[in-house]
Each structure stands twice: as C-alpha cells, then as structure tokens.
C-alpha cells in the first residue's frame, strides 16, 4: 500500500485552506492539473526523483493533455521539487520551472511555507493557463485538489 494520508499535520486549517484555494484558483484558468504533496522527509538524494516517483504513483501522467504538475515538499529535510508532465514541461521550458522554484525558496527561507506553496501553485497555474487554456466545453477536474500528505 502506498503510504499517503490526508492528515493536515503540517499546516493549520487556514494554511491548508489557503493552499487548496490556490490550487482551485490556478485550475480555473486551465485544463491542466496541479497537485501538492507534503511529507516530512525525502528518502531520495534528489527531491526531483522523489517527485517523479510520487507523480507516477498518483497516475498524474494520465491527464488528457499530459499537463499535470506535482508540487513536492519534504518539510523537515527542507527540500522541494516541481515535476511537470511532458506536455507542460516542454511548453514552459526549463528556465521557467527554475524561476518558480527560486521564488518559492524565497518564501521558504522566511519560513512562510504555506504562502510559498500558494504563490508557487499560482505561478504554475499561469504557465498552465497560457499553454493549456480552460476549455468550457470539455474541461473537467481530472485530479482532486486536496493536499496529499505522506509520512
């Protein structure tokens, strides 16, 4: 069994709601999907490898346009990664994703984790909206908006 839970141990209710609302706001303008995964520790040397593993286990590559993005955070290890599926990764480009991470780190360095995640999610949403605009006729929310909590 994959060790995911829905506990909100890392954030207050207000912080959790702030992040979930950011996901919903980001997805209103796009056919893309954003997920946030938070855990205590990253068991991998490279958090991007862990994000890729989680992305696969969550079956995020099954979005119609390959435009899912996973925002990964290991709180105690102070690591984060953004893993974007092939459609949005290539459309936005490597430089864009590095800039998003740098902006998030700015907030994390001040221990504003919830705000950093919110701002990162909204920035991801901007790229998704630009490259994969919302389609009124056929768009559906393919993935849940809630934060996923690991161990």
Protein backbone atom coordinates (compact mmCIF):
# COMPACT_ATOMS: atom_id res chain seq x y z
CA UNK A 1 0.00 0.00 0.00
CA UNK A 2 1.32 3.44 -0.91
CA UNK A 3 1.80 5.50 2.28
CA UNK A 4 -0.38 8.55 1.64
CA UNK A 5 -2.73 10.09 4.13
CA UNK A 6 -4.99 13.09 4.28
CA UNK A 7 -3.81 14.34 7.66
CA UNK A 8 -3.16 18.05 7.89
CA UNK A 9 -0.34 17.87 10.42
CA UNK A 10 1.98 20.29 8.65
CA UNK A 11 -0.43 23.20 8.28
CA UNK A 12 -3.11 24.95 10.26
CA UNK A 13 -6.63 24.75 8.85
CA UNK A 14 -6.25 28.28 7.48
CA UNK A 15 -2.96 27.44 5.77
CA UNK A 16 -4.40 24.23 4.35
CA UNK A 17 -7.43 26.13 3.03
CA UNK A 18 -5.13 28.78 1.52
CA UNK A 19 -3.21 26.15 -0.44
CA UNK A 20 -6.29 24.25 -1.61
CA UNK A 21 -7.89 27.51 -2.74
CA UNK A 22 -4.73 28.38 -4.67
CA UNK A 23 -4.97 25.02 -6.47
CA UNK A 24 -8.60 25.70 -7.35
CA UNK A 25 -7.83 29.25 -8.49
CA UNK A 26 -4.93 28.06 -10.65
CA UNK A 27 -7.05 25.36 -12.26
CA UNK A 28 -9.96 27.71 -13.09
CA UNK A 29 -7.98 29.17 -16.00
CA UNK A 30 -6.59 25.94 -17.45
CA UNK A 31 -7.25 22.38 -18.48
CA UNK A 32 -4.09 21.49 -16.52
CA UNK A 33 -3.92 19.89 -13.09
CA UNK A 34 -1.87 20.80 -10.02
CA UNK A 35 -1.29 18.54 -7.02
CA UNK A 36 0.60 19.32 -3.81
CA UNK A 37 2.35 16.52 -1.91
CA UNK A 38 3.89 17.20 1.51
CA UNK A 39 5.89 14.84 3.71
CA UNK A 40 8.43 15.09 6.50
CA UNK A 41 11.48 13.58 4.88
CA UNK A 42 12.77 12.90 1.39
CA UNK A 43 14.30 9.44 1.28
CA UNK A 44 15.98 10.22 -2.03
CA UNK A 45 19.14 12.21 -2.64
CA UNK A 46 17.37 14.26 -5.29
CA UNK A 47 13.87 15.52 -4.43
CA UNK A 48 13.04 15.61 -8.14
CA UNK A 49 13.45 11.81 -8.21
CA UNK A 50 11.01 11.54 -5.30
CA UNK A 51 8.56 13.89 -7.02
CA UNK A 52 8.77 11.81 -10.19
CA UNK A 53 8.02 8.64 -8.19
CA UNK A 54 5.01 10.24 -6.49
CA UNK A 55 3.79 11.68 -9.80
CA UNK A 56 3.76 8.16 -11.22
CA UNK A 57 2.07 6.60 -8.17
CA UNK A 58 -0.64 9.26 -8.33
CA UNK A 59 -1.10 8.43 -12.02
CA UNK A 60 -0.76 12.10 -12.91
CA UNK A 61 0.58 11.20 -16.35
CA UNK A 62 -2.93 10.08 -17.25
CA UNK A 63 -4.27 13.59 -17.78
CA UNK A 64 -5.58 14.02 -21.31
CA UNK A 65 -3.02 16.63 -22.40
CA UNK A 66 -0.11 15.47 -20.22
CA UNK A 67 -0.34 18.77 -18.35
CA UNK A 68 -0.26 17.72 -14.71
CA UNK A 69 2.20 19.33 -12.30
CA UNK A 70 3.25 17.98 -8.91
CA UNK A 71 4.49 20.38 -6.24
CA UNK A 72 6.59 18.29 -3.82
CA UNK A 73 7.81 19.39 -0.38
CA UNK A 74 9.79 17.49 2.28
CA UNK A 75 9.38 19.80 5.28
CA UNK A 76 11.99 18.51 7.75
CA UNK A 77 14.59 17.96 5.03
CA UNK A 78 13.86 21.40 3.57
CA UNK A 79 13.57 20.08 0.03
CA UNK A 80 11.18 20.87 -2.76
CA UNK A 81 10.69 19.98 -6.37
CA UNK A 82 8.27 20.78 -9.15
CA UNK A 83 7.66 17.86 -11.50
CA UNK A 84 5.74 18.71 -14.65
CA UNK A 85 4.42 16.20 -17.16
CA UNK A 86 5.87 16.24 -20.66
CA UNK A 87 3.22 18.49 -22.23
CA UNK A 88 3.60 21.42 -19.86
CA UNK A 89 7.27 20.89 -19.06
CA UNK A 90 8.35 21.27 -22.66
CA UNK A 91 5.86 24.08 -23.34
CA UNK A 92 7.04 26.25 -20.42
CA UNK A 93 10.73 25.32 -20.63
CA UNK A 94 13.40 24.51 -18.04
CA UNK A 95 14.14 28.16 -17.22
CA UNK A 96 10.52 28.79 -16.20
CA UNK A 97 10.49 25.90 -13.72
CA UNK A 98 13.79 27.03 -12.16
CA UNK A 99 12.37 30.54 -11.68
CA UNK A 100 9.26 29.12 -9.99
CA UNK A 101 11.43 27.13 -7.55
CA UNK A 102 13.64 30.16 -6.81
CA UNK A 103 10.56 32.23 -5.98
CA UNK A 104 9.25 29.53 -3.65
CA UNK A 105 12.61 29.25 -1.88
CA UNK A 106 12.41 32.97 -1.14
CA UNK A 107 9.25 32.33 0.93
CA UNK A 108 10.55 29.09 2.46
CA UNK A 109 13.72 30.83 3.69
CA UNK A 110 11.46 33.09 5.73
CA UNK A 111 9.52 30.03 6.97
CA UNK A 112 6.42 31.16 5.06
CA UNK A 113 5.73 27.66 3.76
CA UNK A 114 2.00 27.94 3.09
CA UNK A 115 2.45 31.28 1.31
CA UNK A 116 5.36 29.88 -0.69
CA UNK A 117 3.29 26.91 -1.79
CA UNK A 118 0.35 29.17 -2.62
CA UNK A 119 2.48 31.52 -4.70
CA UNK A 120 4.20 28.59 -6.42
CA UNK A 121 0.88 26.97 -7.28
CA UNK A 122 -0.44 30.23 -8.71
CA UNK A 123 2.72 30.66 -10.80
CA UNK A 124 2.33 27.08 -12.08
CA UNK A 125 -1.26 27.97 -12.90
CA UNK A 126 -0.11 30.90 -15.02
CA UNK A 127 2.01 28.63 -17.22
CA UNK A 128 -0.78 26.10 -17.47
CA UNK A 129 -3.33 28.79 -18.39
CA UNK A 130 -1.04 30.19 -21.07
CA UNK A 131 -0.19 26.86 -22.69
CA UNK A 132 -3.38 24.92 -21.85
CA UNK A 133 -6.25 27.41 -21.52
CA UNK A 134 -9.52 26.43 -19.91
CA UNK A 135 -11.93 24.72 -22.30
CA UNK A 136 -15.54 25.44 -21.24
CA UNK A 137 -16.98 22.63 -23.32
CA UNK A 138 -14.78 19.72 -22.34
CA UNK A 139 -12.75 20.60 -19.29
CA UNK A 140 -13.17 18.58 -16.14
CA UNK A 141 -11.24 18.41 -12.90
CA UNK A 142 -9.27 15.23 -13.55
CA UNK A 143 -7.48 15.09 -10.18
CA UNK A 144 -8.52 16.01 -6.62
CA UNK A 145 -7.45 19.43 -5.30
CA UNK A 146 -6.68 18.42 -1.71
CA UNK A 147 -3.14 18.36 -0.40
CA UNK A 148 -1.69 14.86 -0.13
CA UNK A 149 0.33 14.17 2.99
CA UNK A 150 2.98 11.48 3.17
CA UNK A 151 4.76 10.24 6.24
